[in-house]
C-alpha atoms as a PDB file:
ATOM      1  CA  MET A   1       0.000   0.000   0.000  1.00  0.00           C
ATOM      2  CA  SER A   2       1.346   3.434  -0.919  1.00  0.00           C
ATOM      3  CA  ALA A   3       1.964   6.233   1.575  1.00  0.00           C
ATOM      4  CA  THR A   4      -1.027   8.150   0.204  1.00  0.00           C
ATOM      5  CA  GLY A   5      -3.306   5.134   0.542  1.00  0.00           C
ATOM      6  CA  SER A   6      -2.081   4.466   4.079  1.00  0.00           C
ATOM      7  CA  LYS A   7      -2.744   8.081   5.037  1.00  0.00           C
ATOM      8  CA  LYS A   8      -6.300   7.923   3.652  1.00  0.00           C
ATOM      9  CA  PHE A   9      -6.920   4.626   5.459  1.00  0.00           C
ATOM     10  CA  SER A  10      -5.757   6.112   8.775  1.00  0.00           C
ATOM     11  CA  HIS A  11      -7.862   9.216   8.197  1.00  0.00           C
ATOM     12  CA  LEU A  12     -10.992   7.166   7.545  1.00  0.00           C
ATOM     13  CA  ASN A  13     -10.534   5.119  10.689  1.00  0.00           C
ATOM     14  CA  LEU A  14      -9.619   7.909  13.088  1.00  0.00           C
ATOM     15  CA  LYS A  15     -11.951  10.612  11.823  1.00  0.00           C
ATOM     16  CA  GLY A  16     -14.625  11.415  14.349  1.00  0.00           C
ATOM     17  CA  LEU A  17     -13.364   9.084  17.100  1.00  0.00           C
ATOM     18  CA  HIS A  18     -13.176  12.029  19.494  1.00  0.00           C
ATOM     19  CA  GLN A  19     -16.950  12.472  19.086  1.00  0.00           C
ATOM     20  CA  TYR A  20     -17.705   9.229  20.944  1.00  0.00           C
ATOM     21  CA  HIS A  21     -17.125  10.755  24.379  1.00  0.00           C
ATOM     22  CA  PRO A  22     -20.713   9.945  25.495  1.00  0.00           C
ATOM     23  CA  TYR A  23     -19.614   6.331  25.985  1.00  0.00           C
ATOM     24  CA  LEU A  24     -16.654   7.441  28.090  1.00  0.00           C
ATOM     25  CA  THR A  25     -18.948   9.683  30.117  1.00  0.00           C
ATOM     26  CA  ALA A  26     -21.401   6.822  30.707  1.00  0.00           C
ATOM     27  CA  LEU A  27     -18.600   4.421  31.650  1.00  0.00           C
ATOM     28  CA  PHE A  28     -16.971   6.592  34.311  1.00  0.00           C
ATOM     29  CA  PRO A  29     -19.684   6.655  37.064  1.00  0.00           C
ATOM     30  CA  ILE A  30     -20.164   2.886  36.879  1.00  0.00           C
ATOM     31  CA  LEU A  31     -16.463   2.120  37.216  1.00  0.00           C
ATOM     32  CA  ALA A  32     -15.995   4.798  39.875  1.00  0.00           C
ATOM     33  CA  LEU A  33     -18.851   3.369  41.950  1.00  0.00           C
ATOM     34  CA  TYR A  34     -17.490  -0.151  41.493  1.00  0.00           C
ATOM     35  CA  THR A  35     -14.050   0.840  42.815  1.00  0.00           C
ATOM     36  CA  HIS A  36     -15.692   2.018  46.064  1.00  0.00           C
ATOM     37  CA  ASN A  37     -17.314  -1.420  46.495  1.00  0.00           C
ATOM     38  CA  ILE A  38     -14.705  -3.554  44.762  1.00  0.00           C
ATOM     39  CA  ARG A  39     -14.215  -5.870  47.763  1.00  0.00           C
ATOM     40  CA  GLU A  40     -17.929  -6.495  48.209  1.00  0.00           C
ATOM     41  CA  VAL A  41     -19.167  -6.720  44.603  1.00  0.00           C
ATOM     42  CA  GLU A  42     -18.007  -9.085  41.902  1.00  0.00           C
ATOM     43  CA  PHE A  43     -17.160  -7.557  38.548  1.00  0.00           C
ATOM     44  CA  SER A  44     -19.668  -9.817  36.801  1.00  0.00           C
ATOM     45  CA  LEU A  45     -22.485  -8.023  38.646  1.00  0.00           C
ATOM     46  CA  ILE A  46     -21.755  -4.702  36.931  1.00  0.00           C
ATOM     47  CA  VAL A  47     -21.738  -6.206  33.440  1.00  0.00           C
ATOM     48  CA  ARG A  48     -25.518  -5.798  33.212  1.00  0.00           C
ATOM     49  CA  SER A  49     -25.201  -2.138  34.228  1.00  0.00           C
ATOM     50  CA  LEU A  50     -22.545  -1.616  31.564  1.00  0.00           C
ATOM     51  CA  ILE A  51     -24.717  -3.230  28.878  1.00  0.00           C
ATOM     52  CA  ILE A  52     -27.822  -1.241  29.853  1.00  0.00           C
ATOM     53  CA  THR A  53     -25.831   1.994  29.941  1.00  0.00           C
ATOM     54  CA  PHE A  54     -24.281   1.259  26.548  1.00  0.00           C
ATOM     55  CA  LEU A  55     -27.696   0.602  24.992  1.00  0.00           C
ATOM     56  CA  ALA A  56     -29.238   3.668  26.641  1.00  0.00           C
ATOM     57  CA  THR A  57     -26.385   5.880  25.439  1.00  0.00           C
ATOM     58  CA  THR A  58     -26.690   4.517  21.910  1.00  0.00           C
ATOM     59  CA  THR A  59     -30.449   5.104  21.924  1.00  0.00           C
ATOM     60  CA  LEU A  60     -29.937   8.647  23.194  1.00  0.00           C
ATOM     61  CA  LEU A  61     -27.410   9.318  20.441  1.00  0.00           C
ATOM     62  CA  VAL A  62     -29.838   8.080  17.786  1.00  0.00           C
ATOM     63  CA  VAL A  63     -32.661  10.255  19.147  1.00  0.00           C
ATOM     64  CA  TYR A  64     -30.466  13.348  19.269  1.00  0.00           C
ATOM     65  CA  ARG A  65     -29.158  12.551  15.792  1.00  0.00           C
ATOM     66  CA  LEU A  66     -32.715  12.720  14.475  1.00  0.00           C
ATOM     67  CA  LEU A  67     -33.311  16.006  16.279  1.00  0.00           C
ATOM     68  CA  PHE A  68     -30.076  17.858  15.527  1.00  0.00           C
ATOM     69  CA  ARG A  69     -29.284  16.327  12.103  1.00  0.00           C
ATOM     70  CA  ASP A  70     -25.612  16.419  13.071  1.00  0.00           C
ATOM     71  CA  PHE A  71     -23.630  13.736  14.891  1.00  0.00           C
ATOM     72  CA  GLY A  72     -21.279  16.220  16.561  1.00  0.00           C
ATOM     73  CA  GLU A  73     -24.118  18.175  18.130  1.00  0.00           C
ATOM     74  CA  SER A  74     -25.829  14.918  19.045  1.00  0.00           C
ATOM     75  CA  ALA A  75     -22.720  13.741  20.883  1.00  0.00           C
ATOM     76  CA  LEU A  76     -22.499  16.995  22.853  1.00  0.00           C
ATOM     77  CA  ALA A  77     -26.193  16.827  23.743  1.00  0.00           C
ATOM     78  CA  CYS A  78     -25.877  13.195  24.805  1.00  0.00           C
ATOM     79  CA  THR A  79     -22.834  13.852  27.009  1.00  0.00           C
ATOM     80  CA  PHE A  80     -24.532  16.866  28.595  1.00  0.00           C
ATOM     81  CA  SER A  81     -27.642  14.773  29.334  1.00  0.00           C
ATOM     82  CA  LEU A  82     -25.555  11.992  30.881  1.00  0.00           C
ATOM     83  CA  ILE A  83     -23.691  14.441  33.092  1.00  0.00           C
ATOM     84  CA  LEU A  84     -26.985  15.877  34.349  1.00  0.00           C
ATOM     85  CA  PHE A  85     -28.383  12.389  34.932  1.00  0.00           C
ATOM     86  CA  PHE A  86     -25.422  10.935  36.822  1.00  0.00           C
ATOM     87  CA  SER A  87     -24.696  14.097  38.833  1.00  0.00           C
ATOM     88  CA  TYR A  88     -28.232  14.585  40.135  1.00  0.00           C
ATOM     89  CA  GLY A  89     -27.951  12.046  42.940  1.00  0.00           C
ATOM     90  CA  GLN A  90     -24.545  13.337  44.044  1.00  0.00           C
ATOM     91  CA  ILE A  91     -25.705  16.950  44.136  1.00  0.00           C
ATOM     92  CA  TYR A  92     -28.860  15.920  45.988  1.00  0.00           C
ATOM     93  CA  ALA A  93     -26.804  14.098  48.641  1.00  0.00           C
ATOM     94  CA  MET A  94     -24.507  17.121  49.053  1.00  0.00           C
ATOM     95  CA  LEU A  95     -27.344  19.637  49.425  1.00  0.00           C
ATOM     96  CA  LYS A  96     -29.983  17.690  51.341  1.00  0.00           C
ATOM     97  CA  GLU A  97     -28.947  19.274  54.652  1.00  0.00           C
ATOM     98  CA  VAL A  98     -28.122  22.728  53.227  1.00  0.00           C
ATOM     99  CA  SER A  99     -30.628  25.476  53.900  1.00  0.00           C
ATOM    100  CA  ILE A 100     -30.902  29.070  52.677  1.00  0.00           C
ATOM    101  CA  PHE A 101     -33.169  31.354  54.697  1.00  0.00           C
ATOM    102  CA  ASP A 102     -34.481  28.289  56.570  1.00  0.00           C
ATOM    103  CA  VAL A 103     -35.389  26.600  53.265  1.00  0.00           C
ATOM    104  CA  LEU A 104     -33.765  23.249  52.550  1.00  0.00           C
ATOM    105  CA  ILE A 105     -32.561  23.380  48.954  1.00  0.00           C
ATOM    106  CA  GLY A 106     -31.658  19.712  48.771  1.00  0.00           C
ATOM    107  CA  ARG A 107     -35.166  18.648  47.791  1.00  0.00           C
ATOM    108  CA  HIS A 108     -36.510  17.093  44.598  1.00  0.00           C
ATOM    109  CA  ARG A 109     -39.107  19.846  44.246  1.00  0.00           C
ATOM    110  CA  ILE A 110     -36.235  22.343  43.962  1.00  0.00           C
ATOM    111  CA  LEU A 111     -33.517  20.379  42.173  1.00  0.00           C
ATOM    112  CA  THR A 112     -35.745  18.734  39.555  1.00  0.00           C
ATOM    113  CA  PRO A 113     -37.006  22.038  38.038  1.00  0.00           C
ATOM    114  CA  LEU A 114     -33.460  23.402  38.197  1.00  0.00           C
ATOM    115  CA  TRP A 115     -32.119  20.386  36.300  1.00  0.00           C
ATOM    116  CA  LEU A 116     -34.881  20.764  33.708  1.00  0.00           C
ATOM    117  CA  VAL A 117     -33.954  24.412  33.203  1.00  0.00           C
ATOM    118  CA  LEU A 118     -30.273  23.487  32.808  1.00  0.00           C
ATOM    119  CA  PHE A 119     -31.253  20.768  30.331  1.00  0.00           C
ATOM    120  CA  VAL A 120     -33.324  23.148  28.187  1.00  0.00           C
ATOM    121  CA  PHE A 121     -30.667  25.871  28.198  1.00  0.00           C
ATOM    122  CA  GLY A 122     -28.010  23.314  27.316  1.00  0.00           C
ATOM    123  CA  MET A 123     -29.982  21.925  24.393  1.00  0.00           C
ATOM    124  CA  VAL A 124     -30.739  25.408  23.072  1.00  0.00           C
ATOM    125  CA  TYR A 125     -27.090  26.422  23.340  1.00  0.00           C
ATOM    126  CA  ILE A 126     -25.911  23.316  21.480  1.00  0.00           C
ATOM    127  CA  ALA A 127     -28.556  23.766  18.769  1.00  0.00           C
ATOM    128  CA  ARG A 128     -27.624  27.421  18.194  1.00  0.00           C
ATOM    129  CA  ARG A 129     -23.891  26.827  18.278  1.00  0.00           C
ATOM    130  CA  ARG A 130     -22.785  27.401  14.688  1.00  0.00           C
ATOM    131  CA  ARG A 131     -19.062  27.025  15.169  1.00  0.00           C
ATOM    132  CA  LYS A 132     -17.215  23.772  14.671  1.00  0.00           C
ATOM    133  CA  ASN A 133     -17.200  21.625  17.776  1.00  0.00           C
ATOM    134  CA  ASP A 134     -13.888  19.831  17.268  1.00  0.00           C
ATOM    135  CA  VAL A 135     -12.233  21.640  20.188  1.00  0.00           C
ATOM    136  CA  ALA A 136     -15.143  20.826  22.500  1.00  0.00           C
ATOM    137  CA  HIS A 137     -15.134  17.168  21.444  1.00  0.00           C
ATOM    138  CA  ARG A 138     -11.393  16.777  21.930  1.00  0.00           C
ATOM    139  CA  THR A 139     -11.480  18.561  25.296  1.00  0.00           C
ATOM    140  CA  ILE A 140     -14.325  16.437  26.654  1.00  0.00           C
ATOM    141  CA  SER A 141     -12.731  13.232  25.375  1.00  0.00           C
ATOM    142  CA  LEU A 142      -9.408  14.134  26.998  1.00  0.00           C
ATOM    143  CA  ILE A 143     -11.069  14.978  30.322  1.00  0.00           C
ATOM    144  CA  MET A 144     -13.011  11.718  30.381  1.00  0.00           C
ATOM    145  CA  LEU A 145      -9.954   9.642  29.427  1.00  0.00           C
ATOM    146  CA  ILE A 146      -8.001  11.221  32.284  1.00  0.00           C
ATOM    147  CA  ALA A 147     -10.920  10.631  34.663  1.00  0.00           C
ATOM    148  CA  LEU A 148     -11.039   6.943  33.685  1.00  0.00           C
ATOM    149  CA  ILE A 149      -7.363   6.395  34.500  1.00  0.00           C
ATOM    150  CA  SER A 150      -7.905   6.209  38.266  1.00  0.00           C
ATOM    151  CA  PRO A 151     -10.794   3.667  38.401  1.00  0.00           C
ATOM    152  CA  THR A 152      -9.215   1.574  35.653  1.00  0.00           C
ATOM    153  CA  TYR A 153      -5.899   1.441  37.517  1.00  0.00           C
ATOM    154  CA  LEU A 154      -7.602   0.511  40.808  1.00  0.00           C
ATOM    155  CA  ILE A 155      -9.589  -2.284  39.157  1.00  0.00           C
ATOM    156  CA  VAL A 156      -6.566  -3.732  37.366  1.00  0.00           C
ATOM    157  CA  GLU A 157      -4.461  -3.481  40.530  1.00  0.00           C
ATOM    158  CA  PHE A 158      -7.141  -5.256  42.577  1.00  0.00           C
ATOM    159  CA  PHE A 159      -7.482  -8.144  40.128  1.00  0.00           C
ATOM    160  CA  VAL A 160      -3.718  -8.548  39.804  1.00  0.00           C
ATOM    161  CA  HIS A 161      -3.314  -8.527  43.584  1.00  0.00           C
ATOM    162  CA  THR A 162      -6.191 -10.989  44.027  1.00  0.00           C
ATOM    163  CA  SER A 163      -4.771 -13.289  41.370  1.00  0.00           C
ATOM    164  CA  LEU A 164      -1.368 -13.339  43.064  1.00  0.00           C
ATOM    165  CA  LEU A 165      -2.915 -14.139  46.445  1.00  0.00           C
ATOM    166  CA  THR A 166      -5.042 -16.900  44.940  1.00  0.00           C
ATOM    167  CA  HIS A 167      -2.031 -18.691  43.487  1.00  0.00           C
ATOM    168  CA  GLN A 168       0.014 -18.509  46.687  1.00  0.00           C
ATOM    169  CA  PRO A 169       0.085 -21.808  48.647  1.00  0.00           C
ATOM    170  CA  GLU A 170      -1.509 -21.660  52.092  1.00  0.00           C
ATOM    171  CA  VAL A 171       0.625 -22.967  54.956  1.00  0.00           C
ATOM    172  CA  PHE A 172      -0.994 -24.106  58.191  1.00  0.00           C
ATOM    173  CA  ASP A 173       0.855 -24.841  61.420  1.00  0.00           C
ATOM    174  CA  ASN A 174      -1.104 -27.695  63.014  1.00  0.00           C
ATOM    175  CA  THR A 175       1.289 -27.908  65.971  1.00  0.00           C
ATOM    176  CA  GLN A 176      -0.222 -24.751  67.521  1.00  0.00           C
ATOM    177  CA  ILE A 177      -3.824 -26.018  67.488  1.00  0.00           C
ATOM    178  CA  ASN A 178      -5.277 -27.490  70.683  1.00  0.00           C
ATOM    179  CA  PRO A 179      -8.993 -28.340  70.296  1.00  0.00           C
ATOM    180  CA  VAL A 180      -9.532 -28.729  74.080  1.00  0.00           C
ATOM    181  CA  ASP A 181      -8.133 -25.288  74.874  1.00  0.00           C
ATOM    182  CA  ASP A 182     -10.173 -23.759  72.071  1.00  0.00           C
ATOM    183  CA  VAL A 183     -13.439 -25.182  73.426  1.00  0.00           C
ATOM    184  CA  LEU A 184     -12.680 -24.016  76.973  1.00  0.00           C
ATOM    185  CA  SER A 185     -11.696 -20.536  75.826  1.00  0.00           C
ATOM    186  CA  ILE A 186     -14.862 -20.170  73.751  1.00  0.00           C
ATOM    187  CA  GLU A 187     -17.049 -21.138  76.723  1.00  0.00           C
ATOM    188  CA  LEU A 188     -15.413 -18.460  78.880  1.00  0.00           C
ATOM    189  CA  ILE A 189     -15.936 -15.694  76.337  1.00  0.00           C
ATOM    190  CA  PRO A 190     -19.088 -13.627  77.068  1.00  0.00           C
ATOM    191  CA  ASP A 191     -21.734 -13.087  74.397  1.00  0.00           C
ATOM    192  CA  ILE A 192     -21.408  -9.747  72.621  1.00  0.00           C
ATOM    193  CA  TYR A 193     -24.229  -8.295  70.546  1.00  0.00           C
ATOM    194  CA  TYR A 194     -23.230  -5.685  68.010  1.00  0.00           C
ATOM    195  CA  ILE A 195     -26.341  -3.898  66.735  1.00  0.00           C
ATOM    196  CA  ILE A 196     -26.142  -1.787  63.584  1.00  0.00           C
ATOM    197  CA  LEU A 197     -29.248   0.253  62.814  1.00  0.00           C
ATOM    198  CA  ASP A 198     -30.309   0.077  59.197  1.00  0.00           C
ATOM    199  CA  GLY A 199     -31.519   3.677  59.127  1.00  0.00           C
ATOM    200  CA  TYR A 200     -32.588   6.607  61.243  1.00  0.00           C
ATOM    201  CA  THR A 201     -35.087   9.315  60.317  1.00  0.00           C
ATOM    202  CA  ARG A 202     -33.628  12.751  59.700  1.00  0.00           C
ATOM    203  CA  GLN A 203     -34.028  15.445  62.345  1.00  0.00           C
ATOM    204  CA  ASP A 204     -36.073  17.759  60.114  1.00  0.00           C
ATOM    205  CA  THR A 205     -38.419  14.893  59.118  1.00  0.00           C
ATOM    206  CA  LEU A 206     -39.061  13.977  62.746  1.00  0.00           C
ATOM    207  CA  ARG A 207     -39.814  17.620  63.531  1.00  0.00           C
ATOM    208  CA  GLU A 208     -42.026  18.244  60.494  1.00  0.00           C
ATOM    209  CA  PHE A 209     -44.108  15.053  60.328  1.00  0.00           C
ATOM    210  CA  TYR A 210     -43.954  13.655  63.884  1.00  0.00           C
ATOM    211  CA  ASN A 211     -43.600  16.879  65.895  1.00  0.00           C
ATOM    212  CA  TYR A 212     -40.660  15.318  67.721  1.00  0.00           C
ATOM    213  CA  ASP A 213     -37.450  17.159  68.593  1.00  0.00           C
ATOM    214  CA  ASN A 214     -34.469  14.801  68.973  1.00  0.00           C
ATOM    215  CA  GLN A 215     -31.875  17.498  69.710  1.00  0.00           C
ATOM    216  CA  SER A 216     -30.971  15.878  73.018  1.00  0.00           C
ATOM    217  CA  PHE A 217     -30.293  12.541  71.305  1.00  0.00           C
ATOM    218  CA  ILE A 218     -28.224  14.066  68.496  1.00  0.00           C
ATOM    219  CA  HIS A 219     -26.006  16.105  70.808  1.00  0.00           C
ATOM    220  CA  CYS A 220     -25.714  13.741  73.778  1.00  0.00           C
ATOM    221  CA  SER A 221     -22.320  12.313  74.676  1.00  0.00           C
ATOM    222  CA  VAL A 222     -21.300   8.695  74.283  1.00  0.00           C
ATOM    223  CA  SER A 223     -21.519   8.033  78.037  1.00  0.00           C
ATOM    224  CA  GLU A 224     -25.033   9.517  78.194  1.00  0.00           C
ATOM    225  CA  LEU A 225     -26.059   7.432  75.206  1.00  0.00           C
ATOM    226  CA  MET A 226     -24.732   4.259  76.824  1.00  0.00           C
ATOM    227  CA  ARG A 227     -26.702   5.006  80.008  1.00  0.00           C
ATOM    228  CA  GLN A 228     -29.869   5.457  77.940  1.00  0.00           C
ATOM    229  CA  ILE A 229     -29.281   2.168  76.142  1.00  0.00           C
ATOM    230  CA  VAL A 230     -28.574   0.224  79.357  1.00  0.00           C
ATOM    231  CA  ALA A 231     -31.593   1.763  81.054  1.00  0.00           C
END
């Protein structure tokens, strides 16, 4: 193949690759969440989430392609929509206890209209943007690739470390085991009950719906709490 033909072949294959950042954007929150639970969740359990996200992103791209008549604008709209979707829960968790003039702003009735307004303004801006979007596509793709480095590294490191531990032979020292002593020591150990509450109603909810003020419980010391529990 000639140099000219090779150049054309490379151009055909690489052209527009930087416009597929919606898939990188959709991949990041799943991998980031998995790294926080990597010791409790098997990787096979997130495969379904990856497949559903891939199909949803593809569907969103097709819909926006029909609306905008341009793949570049469709990619920007899709990425913007995904960012709004995946960030909503995080912003809600950050603001649910924040109040301005005694009004809690971390509520769905406040954040949902705000997100809808941001969505509409974003779509209008993308639709009216007449300049070429190559710089925006390359910037977003670079940001998402950098963001994916950390979760990808943590996942690879975990699997490599787990694989090495799995293949190491286990050595047991049977000379230190005395079944009689173990039974006696277990009988002498007192029973300990460790209770973990699944959930506790927020202070503002108790005050608003149940007319109950739990200030004393929230601000009591550990010793006072232990006396209440024992009593």
